[in-house]
Amino acid sequence: MQQLLPTQLAERLADGSRPKPVLLDVRQPWELERCCLPGVQNIPMHLIPLRSNELNKSDEIVVICHHGARSMQVAMFLENQGFSSVINLTGGVAAWANEVDPNFPRY
């Protein structure tokens, strides 16, 4: 499974010459109300088996959660379902707040 550091994701999102990946946030809705990256698609982790058909298997998908554990499990699940380019955001939004945006809300 591929891993991506928050600084690498920030660089990728800022690079206008590359297509943007799908940002799949697998946290609960109340967590997204506290903080989320712009443009995320939210499918809570427990609903991924039921709703993974909403995702395109050929898209590059960066899976995001709070600290990177739930997203890693979802990324492994999606890879096992035939998704071709799934990447886990190492450290999740907590690492994003520490490494990329110090004003990003924390919880």
PDB file of N, CA and C in Angstrom:
ATOM      1  N   MET A   1       0.845  -1.175   0.000  1.00  0.00           N
ATOM      2  CA  MET A   1       0.000   0.000   0.000  1.00  0.00           C
ATOM      3  C   MET A   1       0.889   1.236   0.000  1.00  0.00           C
ATOM      4  N   GLN A   2       0.482   2.209  -0.772  1.00  0.00           N
ATOM      5  CA  GLN A   2       1.218   3.460  -0.825  1.00  0.00           C
ATOM      6  C   GLN A   2       0.879   4.331   0.382  1.00  0.00           C
ATOM      7  N   GLN A   3       1.866   5.081   0.811  1.00  0.00           N
ATOM      8  CA  GLN A   3       1.693   6.035   1.903  1.00  0.00           C
ATOM      9  C   GLN A   3       2.065   7.418   1.375  1.00  0.00           C
ATOM     10  N   LEU A   4       1.424   8.447   1.907  1.00  0.00           N
ATOM     11  CA  LEU A   4       1.712   9.810   1.502  1.00  0.00           C
ATOM     12  C   LEU A   4       1.779  10.662   2.758  1.00  0.00           C
ATOM     13  N   LEU A   5       2.852  11.427   2.893  1.00  0.00           N
ATOM     14  CA  LEU A   5       2.981  12.351   4.018  1.00  0.00           C
ATOM     15  C   LEU A   5       2.106  13.576   3.759  1.00  0.00           C
ATOM     16  N   PRO A   6       1.644  14.240   4.808  1.00  0.00           N
ATOM     17  CA  PRO A   6       0.828  15.437   4.612  1.00  0.00           C
ATOM     18  C   PRO A   6       1.513  16.500   3.746  1.00  0.00           C
ATOM     19  N   THR A   7       2.812  16.695   3.919  1.00  0.00           N
ATOM     20  CA  THR A   7       3.516  17.688   3.098  1.00  0.00           C
ATOM     21  C   THR A   7       3.506  17.275   1.625  1.00  0.00           C
ATOM     22  N   GLN A   8       3.604  15.981   1.354  1.00  0.00           N
ATOM     23  CA  GLN A   8       3.548  15.501  -0.025  1.00  0.00           C
ATOM     24  C   GLN A   8       2.160  15.714  -0.625  1.00  0.00           C
ATOM     25  N   LEU A   9       1.115  15.488   0.189  1.00  0.00           N
ATOM     26  CA  LEU A   9      -0.239  15.726  -0.295  1.00  0.00           C
ATOM     27  C   LEU A   9      -0.436  17.214  -0.578  1.00  0.00           C
ATOM     28  N   ALA A  10       0.050  18.080   0.295  1.00  0.00           N
ATOM     29  CA  ALA A  10      -0.080  19.521   0.080  1.00  0.00           C
ATOM     30  C   ALA A  10       0.594  19.934  -1.228  1.00  0.00           C
ATOM     31  N   GLU A  11       1.772  19.385  -1.493  1.00  0.00           N
ATOM     32  CA  GLU A  11       2.476  19.680  -2.746  1.00  0.00           C
ATOM     33  C   GLU A  11       1.679  19.190  -3.949  1.00  0.00           C
ATOM     34  N   ARG A  12       1.140  17.996  -3.829  1.00  0.00           N
ATOM     35  CA  ARG A  12       0.364  17.423  -4.934  1.00  0.00           C
ATOM     36  C   ARG A  12      -0.889  18.238  -5.205  1.00  0.00           C
ATOM     37  N   LEU A  13      -1.567  18.680  -4.148  1.00  0.00           N
ATOM     38  CA  LEU A  13      -2.783  19.472  -4.329  1.00  0.00           C
ATOM     39  C   LEU A  13      -2.479  20.847  -4.912  1.00  0.00           C
ATOM     40  N   ALA A  14      -1.295  21.381  -4.626  1.00  0.00           N
ATOM     41  CA  ALA A  14      -0.909  22.698  -5.135  1.00  0.00           C
ATOM     42  C   ALA A  14      -0.389  22.648  -6.566  1.00  0.00           C
ATOM     43  N   ASP A  15      -0.082  21.475  -7.066  1.00  0.00           N
ATOM     44  CA  ASP A  15       0.486  21.309  -8.395  1.00  0.00           C
ATOM     45  C   ASP A  15      -0.630  21.294  -9.437  1.00  0.00           C
ATOM     46  N   GLY A  16      -0.803  22.421 -10.117  1.00  0.00           N
ATOM     47  CA  GLY A  16      -1.870  22.544 -11.110  1.00  0.00           C
ATOM     48  C   GLY A  16      -1.655  21.719 -12.365  1.00  0.00           C
ATOM     49  N   SER A  17      -0.467  21.157 -12.535  1.00  0.00           N
ATOM     50  CA  SER A  17      -0.190  20.371 -13.739  1.00  0.00           C
ATOM     51  C   SER A  17      -0.611  18.912 -13.605  1.00  0.00           C
ATOM     52  N   ARG A  18      -0.985  18.515 -12.400  1.00  0.00           N
ATOM     53  CA  ARG A  18      -1.386  17.118 -12.160  1.00  0.00           C
ATOM     54  C   ARG A  18      -2.862  17.056 -11.816  1.00  0.00           C
ATOM     55  N   PRO A  19      -3.531  15.989 -12.225  1.00  0.00           N
ATOM     56  CA  PRO A  19      -4.929  15.830 -11.803  1.00  0.00           C
ATOM     57  C   PRO A  19      -5.001  15.646 -10.284  1.00  0.00           C
ATOM     58  N   LYS A  20      -6.030  16.203  -9.698  1.00  0.00           N
ATOM     59  CA  LYS A  20      -6.209  16.090  -8.246  1.00  0.00           C
ATOM     60  C   LYS A  20      -6.709  14.690  -7.901  1.00  0.00           C
ATOM     61  N   PRO A  21      -6.184  14.104  -6.825  1.00  0.00           N
ATOM     62  CA  PRO A  21      -6.705  12.805  -6.397  1.00  0.00           C
ATOM     63  C   PRO A  21      -8.061  12.974  -5.721  1.00  0.00           C
ATOM     64  N   VAL A  22      -8.799  11.900  -5.641  1.00  0.00           N
ATOM     65  CA  VAL A  22     -10.014  11.878  -4.836  1.00  0.00           C
ATOM     66  C   VAL A  22      -9.570  11.832  -3.386  1.00  0.00           C
ATOM     67  N   LEU A  23     -10.091  12.743  -2.568  1.00  0.00           N
ATOM     68  CA  LEU A  23      -9.781  12.762  -1.140  1.00  0.00           C
ATOM     69  C   LEU A  23     -10.941  12.098  -0.417  1.00  0.00           C
ATOM     70  N   LEU A  24     -10.733  10.878   0.007  1.00  0.00           N
ATOM     71  CA  LEU A  24     -11.778  10.086   0.668  1.00  0.00           C
ATOM     72  C   LEU A  24     -11.559  10.137   2.172  1.00  0.00           C
ATOM     73  N   ASP A  25     -12.421  10.863   2.853  1.00  0.00           N
ATOM     74  CA  ASP A  25     -12.328  10.986   4.308  1.00  0.00           C
ATOM     75  C   ASP A  25     -13.265   9.951   4.923  1.00  0.00           C
ATOM     76  N   VAL A  26     -12.715   9.053   5.729  1.00  0.00           N
ATOM     77  CA  VAL A  26     -13.506   7.943   6.266  1.00  0.00           C
ATOM     78  C   VAL A  26     -13.904   8.157   7.725  1.00  0.00           C
ATOM     79  N   ARG A  27     -13.763   9.402   8.202  1.00  0.00           N
ATOM     80  CA  ARG A  27     -14.173   9.700   9.580  1.00  0.00           C
ATOM     81  C   ARG A  27     -15.696   9.859   9.663  1.00  0.00           C
ATOM     82  N   GLN A  28     -16.185   9.933  10.877  1.00  0.00           N
ATOM     83  CA  GLN A  28     -17.608  10.130  11.133  1.00  0.00           C
ATOM     84  C   GLN A  28     -18.000  11.568  10.813  1.00  0.00           C
ATOM     85  N   PRO A  29     -19.270  11.814  10.443  1.00  0.00           N
ATOM     86  CA  PRO A  29     -19.702  13.175  10.110  1.00  0.00           C
ATOM     87  C   PRO A  29     -19.393  14.207  11.203  1.00  0.00           C
ATOM     88  N   TRP A  30     -19.521  13.835  12.475  1.00  0.00           N
ATOM     89  CA  TRP A  30     -19.229  14.810  13.531  1.00  0.00           C
ATOM     90  C   TRP A  30     -17.764  15.234  13.510  1.00  0.00           C
ATOM     91  N   GLU A  31     -16.885  14.332  13.056  1.00  0.00           N
ATOM     92  CA  GLU A  31     -15.466  14.671  12.966  1.00  0.00           C
ATOM     93  C   GLU A  31     -15.224  15.672  11.828  1.00  0.00           C
ATOM     94  N   LEU A  32     -15.927  15.483  10.727  1.00  0.00           N
ATOM     95  CA  LEU A  32     -15.786  16.418   9.616  1.00  0.00           C
ATOM     96  C   LEU A  32     -16.339  17.788   9.969  1.00  0.00           C
ATOM     97  N   GLU A  33     -17.347  17.836  10.837  1.00  0.00           N
ATOM     98  CA  GLU A  33     -17.869  19.125  11.286  1.00  0.00           C
ATOM     99  C   GLU A  33     -16.805  19.905  12.047  1.00  0.00           C
ATOM    100  N   ARG A  34     -15.913  19.216  12.715  1.00  0.00           N
ATOM    101  CA  ARG A  34     -14.835  19.885  13.456  1.00  0.00           C
ATOM    102  C   ARG A  34     -13.738  20.374  12.527  1.00  0.00           C
ATOM    103  N   CYS A  35     -13.388  19.550  11.537  1.00  0.00           N
ATOM    104  CA  CYS A  35     -12.341  19.943  10.594  1.00  0.00           C
ATOM    105  C   CYS A  35     -12.301  18.958   9.433  1.00  0.00           C
ATOM    106  N   CYS A  36     -11.990  19.472   8.260  1.00  0.00           N
ATOM    107  CA  CYS A  36     -11.760  18.598   7.104  1.00  0.00           C
ATOM    108  C   CYS A  36     -11.026  19.383   6.033  1.00  0.00           C
ATOM    109  N   LEU A  37     -10.340  18.656   5.197  1.00  0.00           N
ATOM    110  CA  LEU A  37      -9.670  19.268   4.063  1.00  0.00           C
ATOM    111  C   LEU A  37     -10.726  19.657   3.031  1.00  0.00           C
ATOM    112  N   PRO A  38     -10.498  20.736   2.285  1.00  0.00           N
ATOM    113  CA  PRO A  38     -11.473  21.131   1.260  1.00  0.00           C
ATOM    114  C   PRO A  38     -11.626  20.051   0.185  1.00  0.00           C
ATOM    115  N   GLY A  39     -12.863  19.852  -0.230  1.00  0.00           N
ATOM    116  CA  GLY A  39     -13.130  18.954  -1.352  1.00  0.00           C
ATOM    117  C   GLY A  39     -13.149  17.476  -1.044  1.00  0.00           C
ATOM    118  N   VAL A  40     -13.198  17.101   0.234  1.00  0.00           N
ATOM    119  CA  VAL A  40     -13.211  15.677   0.556  1.00  0.00           C
ATOM    120  C   VAL A  40     -14.562  15.058   0.214  1.00  0.00           C
ATOM    121  N   GLN A  41     -14.519  13.775  -0.080  1.00  0.00           N
ATOM    122  CA  GLN A  41     -15.722  12.951  -0.191  1.00  0.00           C
ATOM    123  C   GLN A  41     -15.772  12.137   1.083  1.00  0.00           C
ATOM    124  N   ASN A  42     -16.879  12.199   1.789  1.00  0.00           N
ATOM    125  CA  ASN A  42     -16.983  11.486   3.059  1.00  0.00           C
ATOM    126  C   ASN A  42     -17.793  10.204   2.898  1.00  0.00           C
ATOM    127  N   ILE A  43     -17.147   9.100   3.232  1.00  0.00           N
ATOM    128  CA  ILE A  43     -17.834   7.818   3.413  1.00  0.00           C
ATOM    129  C   ILE A  43     -17.261   7.253   4.704  1.00  0.00           C
ATOM    130  N   PRO A  44     -18.039   7.273   5.796  1.00  0.00           N
ATOM    131  CA  PRO A  44     -17.513   6.735   7.054  1.00  0.00           C
ATOM    132  C   PRO A  44     -17.035   5.294   6.891  1.00  0.00           C
ATOM    133  N   MET A  45     -16.003   4.968   7.631  1.00  0.00           N
ATOM    134  CA  MET A  45     -15.340   3.672   7.506  1.00  0.00           C
ATOM    135  C   MET A  45     -16.329   2.503   7.501  1.00  0.00           C
ATOM    136  N   HIS A  46     -17.276   2.505   8.403  1.00  0.00           N
ATOM    137  CA  HIS A  46     -18.182   1.354   8.513  1.00  0.00           C
ATOM    138  C   HIS A  46     -19.107   1.220   7.303  1.00  0.00           C
ATOM    139  N   LEU A  47     -19.212   2.270   6.477  1.00  0.00           N
ATOM    140  CA  LEU A  47     -20.080   2.212   5.296  1.00  0.00           C
ATOM    141  C   LEU A  47     -19.323   1.906   4.003  1.00  0.00           C
ATOM    142  N   ILE A  48     -18.000   1.831   4.080  1.00  0.00           N
ATOM    143  CA  ILE A  48     -17.201   1.581   2.877  1.00  0.00           C
ATOM    144  C   ILE A  48     -17.635   0.305   2.141  1.00  0.00           C
ATOM    145  N   PRO A  49     -17.847  -0.826   2.828  1.00  0.00           N
ATOM    146  CA  PRO A  49     -18.270  -2.025   2.078  1.00  0.00           C
ATOM    147  C   PRO A  49     -19.591  -1.830   1.326  1.00  0.00           C
ATOM    148  N   LEU A  50     -20.474  -1.000   1.859  1.00  0.00           N
ATOM    149  CA  LEU A  50     -21.767  -0.766   1.215  1.00  0.00           C
ATOM    150  C   LEU A  50     -21.706   0.301   0.132  1.00  0.00           C
ATOM    151  N   ARG A  51     -20.752   1.237   0.254  1.00  0.00           N
ATOM    152  CA  ARG A  51     -20.756   2.400  -0.644  1.00  0.00           C
ATOM    153  C   ARG A  51     -19.506   2.518  -1.521  1.00  0.00           C
ATOM    154  N   SER A  52     -18.644   1.521  -1.508  1.00  0.00           N
ATOM    155  CA  SER A  52     -17.426   1.626  -2.316  1.00  0.00           C
ATOM    156  C   SER A  52     -17.743   1.725  -3.808  1.00  0.00           C
ATOM    157  N   ASN A  53     -18.952   1.316  -4.205  1.00  0.00           N
ATOM    158  CA  ASN A  53     -19.357   1.435  -5.610  1.00  0.00           C
ATOM    159  C   ASN A  53     -19.528   2.893  -6.034  1.00  0.00           C
ATOM    160  N   GLU A  54     -19.517   3.829  -5.085  1.00  0.00           N
ATOM    161  CA  GLU A  54     -19.582   5.256  -5.404  1.00  0.00           C
ATOM    162  C   GLU A  54     -18.231   5.786  -5.876  1.00  0.00           C
ATOM    163  N   LEU A  55     -17.188   4.967  -5.737  1.00  0.00           N
ATOM    164  CA  LEU A  55     -15.830   5.358  -6.117  1.00  0.00           C
ATOM    165  C   LEU A  55     -15.446   4.692  -7.425  1.00  0.00           C
ATOM    166  N   ASN A  56     -14.599   5.358  -8.197  1.00  0.00           N
ATOM    167  CA  ASN A  56     -14.110   4.814  -9.457  1.00  0.00           C
ATOM    168  C   ASN A  56     -12.834   4.034  -9.179  1.00  0.00           C
ATOM    169  N   LYS A  57     -12.808   2.773  -9.563  1.00  0.00           N
ATOM    170  CA  LYS A  57     -11.665   1.901  -9.266  1.00  0.00           C
ATOM    171  C   LYS A  57     -10.370   2.356  -9.926  1.00  0.00           C
ATOM    172  N   SER A  58     -10.449   3.187 -10.949  1.00  0.00           N
ATOM    173  CA  SER A  58      -9.230   3.643 -11.623  1.00  0.00           C
ATOM    174  C   SER A  58      -8.744   5.015 -11.141  1.00  0.00           C
ATOM    175  N   ASP A  59      -9.527   5.694 -10.309  1.00  0.00           N
ATOM    176  CA  ASP A  59      -9.100   6.997  -9.774  1.00  0.00           C
ATOM    177  C   ASP A  59      -7.990   6.833  -8.759  1.00  0.00           C
ATOM    178  N   GLU A  60      -7.150   7.839  -8.655  1.00  0.00           N
ATOM    179  CA  GLU A  60      -6.193   7.890  -7.553  1.00  0.00           C
ATOM    180  C   GLU A  60      -6.968   8.379  -6.325  1.00  0.00           C
ATOM    181  N   ILE A  61      -6.936   7.591  -5.263  1.00  0.00           N
ATOM    182  CA  ILE A  61      -7.724   7.891  -4.064  1.00  0.00           C
ATOM    183  C   ILE A  61      -6.781   8.005  -2.875  1.00  0.00           C
ATOM    184  N   VAL A  62      -6.839   9.162  -2.200  1.00  0.00           N
ATOM    185  CA  VAL A  62      -6.088   9.352  -0.961  1.00  0.00           C
ATOM    186  C   VAL A  62      -7.092   9.198   0.180  1.00  0.00           C
ATOM    187  N   VAL A  63      -6.868   8.204   1.030  1.00  0.00           N
ATOM    188  CA  VAL A  63      -7.788   7.913   2.129  1.00  0.00           C
ATOM    189  C   VAL A  63      -7.290   8.636   3.377  1.00  0.00           C
ATOM    190  N   ILE A  64      -8.225   9.310   4.054  1.00  0.00           N
ATOM    191  CA  ILE A  64      -7.902  10.209   5.169  1.00  0.00           C
ATOM    192  C   ILE A  64      -8.749   9.861   6.385  1.00  0.00           C
ATOM    193  N   CYS A  65      -8.117   9.921   7.559  1.00  0.00           N
ATOM    194  CA  CYS A  65      -8.854   9.830   8.826  1.00  0.00           C
ATOM    195  C   CYS A  65      -8.168  10.746   9.833  1.00  0.00           C
ATOM    196  N   HIS A  66      -8.368  10.497  11.126  1.00  0.00           N
ATOM    197  CA  HIS A  66      -7.804  11.359  12.164  1.00  0.00           C
ATOM    198  C   HIS A  66      -6.299  11.156  12.330  1.00  0.00           C
ATOM    199  N   HIS A  67      -5.860   9.918  12.514  1.00  0.00           N
ATOM    200  CA  HIS A  67      -4.443   9.634  12.743  1.00  0.00           C
ATOM    201  C   HIS A  67      -3.820   8.679  11.730  1.00  0.00           C
ATOM    202  N   GLY A  68      -4.590   8.146  10.806  1.00  0.00           N
ATOM    203  CA  GLY A  68      -4.045   7.287   9.760  1.00  0.00           C
ATOM    204  C   GLY A  68      -4.305   5.804   9.929  1.00  0.00           C
ATOM    205  N   ALA A  69      -4.913   5.392  11.033  1.00  0.00           N
ATOM    206  CA  ALA A  69      -5.161   3.960  11.245  1.00  0.00           C
ATOM    207  C   ALA A  69      -6.407   3.479  10.497  1.00  0.00           C
ATOM    208  N   ARG A  70      -7.511   4.193  10.653  1.00  0.00           N
ATOM    209  CA  ARG A  70      -8.736   3.803   9.940  1.00  0.00           C
ATOM    210  C   ARG A  70      -8.531   3.889   8.438  1.00  0.00           C
ATOM    211  N   SER A  71      -7.861   4.953   8.011  1.00  0.00           N
ATOM    212  CA  SER A  71      -7.639   5.120   6.574  1.00  0.00           C
ATOM    213  C   SER A  71      -6.763   4.002   6.013  1.00  0.00           C
ATOM    214  N   MET A  72      -5.814   3.530   6.795  1.00  0.00           N
ATOM    215  CA  MET A  72      -4.968   2.429   6.338  1.00  0.00           C
ATOM    216  C   MET A  72      -5.803   1.161   6.143  1.00  0.00           C
ATOM    217  N   GLN A  73      -6.710   0.894   7.069  1.00  0.00           N
ATOM    218  CA  GLN A  73      -7.568  -0.287   6.942  1.00  0.00           C
ATOM    219  C   GLN A  73      -8.472  -0.172   5.718  1.00  0.00           C
ATOM    220  N   VAL A  74      -9.024   1.027   5.492  1.00  0.00           N
ATOM    221  CA  VAL A  74      -9.891   1.232   4.334  1.00  0.00           C
ATOM    222  C   VAL A  74      -9.084   1.107   3.045  1.00  0.00           C
ATOM    223  N   ALA A  75      -7.883   1.665   3.024  1.00  0.00           N
ATOM    224  CA  ALA A  75      -7.037   1.565   1.832  1.00  0.00           C
ATOM    225  C   ALA A  75      -6.747   0.098   1.500  1.00  0.00           C
ATOM    226  N   MET A  76      -6.431  -0.695   2.504  1.00  0.00           N
ATOM    227  CA  MET A  76      -6.186  -2.123   2.266  1.00  0.00           C
ATOM    228  C   MET A  76      -7.447  -2.807   1.727  1.00  0.00           C
ATOM    229  N   PHE A  77      -8.604  -2.477   2.297  1.00  0.00           N
ATOM    230  CA  PHE A  77      -9.862  -3.053   1.830  1.00  0.00           C
ATOM    231  C   PHE A  77     -10.101  -2.700   0.361  1.00  0.00           C
ATOM    232  N   LEU A  78      -9.917  -1.415   0.013  1.00  0.00           N
ATOM    233  CA  LEU A  78     -10.151  -0.984  -1.361  1.00  0.00           C
ATOM    234  C   LEU A  78      -9.180  -1.662  -2.326  1.00  0.00           C
ATOM    235  N   GLU A  79      -7.932  -1.794  -1.939  1.00  0.00           N
ATOM    236  CA  GLU A  79      -6.969  -2.510  -2.785  1.00  0.00           C
ATOM    237  C   GLU A  79      -7.424  -3.937  -3.025  1.00  0.00           C
ATOM    238  N   ASN A  80      -7.922  -4.591  -1.976  1.00  0.00           N
ATOM    239  CA  ASN A  80      -8.408  -5.972  -2.111  1.00  0.00           C
ATOM    240  C   ASN A  80      -9.654  -6.070  -2.981  1.00  0.00           C
ATOM    241  N   GLN A  81     -10.354  -4.941  -3.139  1.00  0.00           N
ATOM    242  CA  GLN A  81     -11.555  -4.905  -3.985  1.00  0.00           C
ATOM    243  C   GLN A  81     -11.221  -4.528  -5.425  1.00  0.00           C
ATOM    244  N   GLY A  82      -9.935  -4.358  -5.733  1.00  0.00           N
ATOM    245  CA  GLY A  82      -9.529  -4.091  -7.104  1.00  0.00           C
ATOM    246  C   GLY A  82      -9.278  -2.636  -7.454  1.00  0.00           C
ATOM    247  N   PHE A  83      -9.254  -1.761  -6.464  1.00  0.00           N
ATOM    248  CA  PHE A  83      -8.931  -0.359  -6.741  1.00  0.00           C
ATOM    249  C   PHE A  83      -7.440  -0.270  -7.046  1.00  0.00           C
ATOM    250  N   SER A  84      -7.094   0.466  -8.104  1.00  0.00           N
ATOM    251  CA  SER A  84      -5.727   0.406  -8.627  1.00  0.00           C
ATOM    252  C   SER A  84      -4.753   1.391  -7.999  1.00  0.00           C
ATOM    253  N   SER A  85      -5.221   2.511  -7.457  1.00  0.00           N
ATOM    254  CA  SER A  85      -4.304   3.522  -6.926  1.00  0.00           C
ATOM    255  C   SER A  85      -4.866   4.104  -5.639  1.00  0.00           C
ATOM    256  N   VAL A  86      -4.608   3.417  -4.533  1.00  0.00           N
ATOM    257  CA  VAL A  86      -5.111   3.828  -3.234  1.00  0.00           C
ATOM    258  C   VAL A  86      -3.918   4.204  -2.358  1.00  0.00           C
ATOM    259  N   ILE A  87      -4.023   5.365  -1.715  1.00  0.00           N
ATOM    260  CA  ILE A  87      -2.917   5.895  -0.922  1.00  0.00           C
ATOM    261  C   ILE A  87      -3.442   6.284   0.456  1.00  0.00           C
ATOM    262  N   ASN A  88      -2.710   5.898   1.481  1.00  0.00           N
ATOM    263  CA  ASN A  88      -3.064   6.275   2.846  1.00  0.00           C
ATOM    264  C   ASN A  88      -2.351   7.568   3.221  1.00  0.00           C
ATOM    265  N   LEU A  89      -3.085   8.524   3.794  1.00  0.00           N
ATOM    266  CA  LEU A  89      -2.461   9.740   4.315  1.00  0.00           C
ATOM    267  C   LEU A  89      -1.869   9.422   5.679  1.00  0.00           C
ATOM    268  N   THR A  90      -0.548   9.336   5.734  1.00  0.00           N
ATOM    269  CA  THR A  90       0.161   8.987   6.964  1.00  0.00           C
ATOM    270  C   THR A  90      -0.097  10.048   8.032  1.00  0.00           C
ATOM    271  N   GLY A  91      -0.575   9.615   9.180  1.00  0.00           N
ATOM    272  CA  GLY A  91      -0.803  10.533  10.293  1.00  0.00           C
ATOM    273  C   GLY A  91      -2.116  11.285  10.259  1.00  0.00           C
ATOM    274  N   GLY A  92      -2.868  11.158   9.163  1.00  0.00           N
ATOM    275  CA  GLY A  92      -4.194  11.751   9.049  1.00  0.00           C
ATOM    276  C   GLY A  92      -4.224  13.264   9.193  1.00  0.00           C
ATOM    277  N   VAL A  93      -5.408  13.772   9.546  1.00  0.00           N
ATOM    278  CA  VAL A  93      -5.571  15.221   9.673  1.00  0.00           C
ATOM    279  C   VAL A  93      -4.792  15.775  10.859  1.00  0.00           C
ATOM    280  N   ALA A  94      -4.493  14.936  11.836  1.00  0.00           N
ATOM    281  CA  ALA A  94      -3.676  15.398  12.958  1.00  0.00           C
ATOM    282  C   ALA A  94      -2.278  15.770  12.469  1.00  0.00           C
ATOM    283  N   ALA A  95      -1.707  14.946  11.607  1.00  0.00           N
ATOM    284  CA  ALA A  95      -0.392  15.248  11.042  1.00  0.00           C
ATOM    285  C   ALA A  95      -0.474  16.438  10.089  1.00  0.00           C
ATOM    286  N   TRP A  96      -1.582  16.562   9.354  1.00  0.00           N
ATOM    287  CA  TRP A  96      -1.775  17.719   8.480  1.00  0.00           C
ATOM    288  C   TRP A  96      -1.691  19.005   9.306  1.00  0.00           C
ATOM    289  N   ALA A  97      -2.357  19.007  10.452  1.00  0.00           N
ATOM    290  CA  ALA A  97      -2.329  20.190  11.326  1.00  0.00           C
ATOM    291  C   ALA A  97      -0.920  20.462  11.839  1.00  0.00           C
ATOM    292  N   ASN A  98      -0.170  19.420  12.151  1.00  0.00           N
ATOM    293  CA  ASN A  98       1.188  19.595  12.678  1.00  0.00           C
ATOM    294  C   ASN A  98       2.199  19.982  11.609  1.00  0.00           C
ATOM    295  N   GLU A  99       2.042  19.426  10.402  1.00  0.00           N
ATOM    296  CA  GLU A  99       3.085  19.571   9.388  1.00  0.00           C
ATOM    297  C   GLU A  99       2.775  20.557   8.276  1.00  0.00           C
ATOM    298  N   VAL A 100       1.487  20.821   8.017  1.00  0.00           N
ATOM    299  CA  VAL A 100       1.137  21.642   6.868  1.00  0.00           C
ATOM    300  C   VAL A 100       0.438  22.933   7.283  1.00  0.00           C
ATOM    301  N   ASP A 101      -0.572  22.843   8.113  1.00  0.00           N
ATOM    302  CA  ASP A 101      -1.407  24.012   8.438  1.00  0.00           C
ATOM    303  C   ASP A 101      -1.586  24.126   9.945  1.00  0.00           C
ATOM    304  N   PRO A 102      -0.771  24.954  10.602  1.00  0.00           N
ATOM    305  CA  PRO A 102      -0.884  25.082  12.060  1.00  0.00           C
ATOM    306  C   PRO A 102      -2.224  25.677  12.518  1.00  0.00           C
ATOM    307  N   ASN A 103      -2.990  26.284  11.608  1.00  0.00           N
ATOM    308  CA  ASN A 103      -4.295  26.835  11.956  1.00  0.00           C
ATOM    309  C   ASN A 103      -5.435  25.841  11.752  1.00  0.00           C
ATOM    310  N   PHE A 104      -5.090  24.662  11.239  1.00  0.00           N
ATOM    311  CA  PHE A 104      -6.104  23.628  11.017  1.00  0.00           C
ATOM    312  C   PHE A 104      -6.646  23.188  12.376  1.00  0.00           C
ATOM    313  N   PRO A 105      -7.967  23.141  12.561  1.00  0.00           N
ATOM    314  CA  PRO A 105      -8.527  22.737  13.852  1.00  0.00           C
ATOM    315  C   PRO A 105      -8.085  21.336  14.270  1.00  0.00           C
ATOM    316  N   ARG A 106      -7.905  21.170  15.556  1.00  0.00           N
ATOM    317  CA  ARG A 106      -7.510  19.879  16.123  1.00  0.00           C
ATOM    318  C   ARG A 106      -8.583  19.399  17.084  1.00  0.00           C
ATOM    319  N   TYR A 107      -8.620  18.105  17.287  1.00  0.00           N
ATOM    320  CA  TYR A 107      -9.544  17.533  18.275  1.00  0.00           C
ATOM    321  C   TYR A 107      -8.976  16.279  18.837  1.00  0.00           C
TER     322      TYR A 107
END
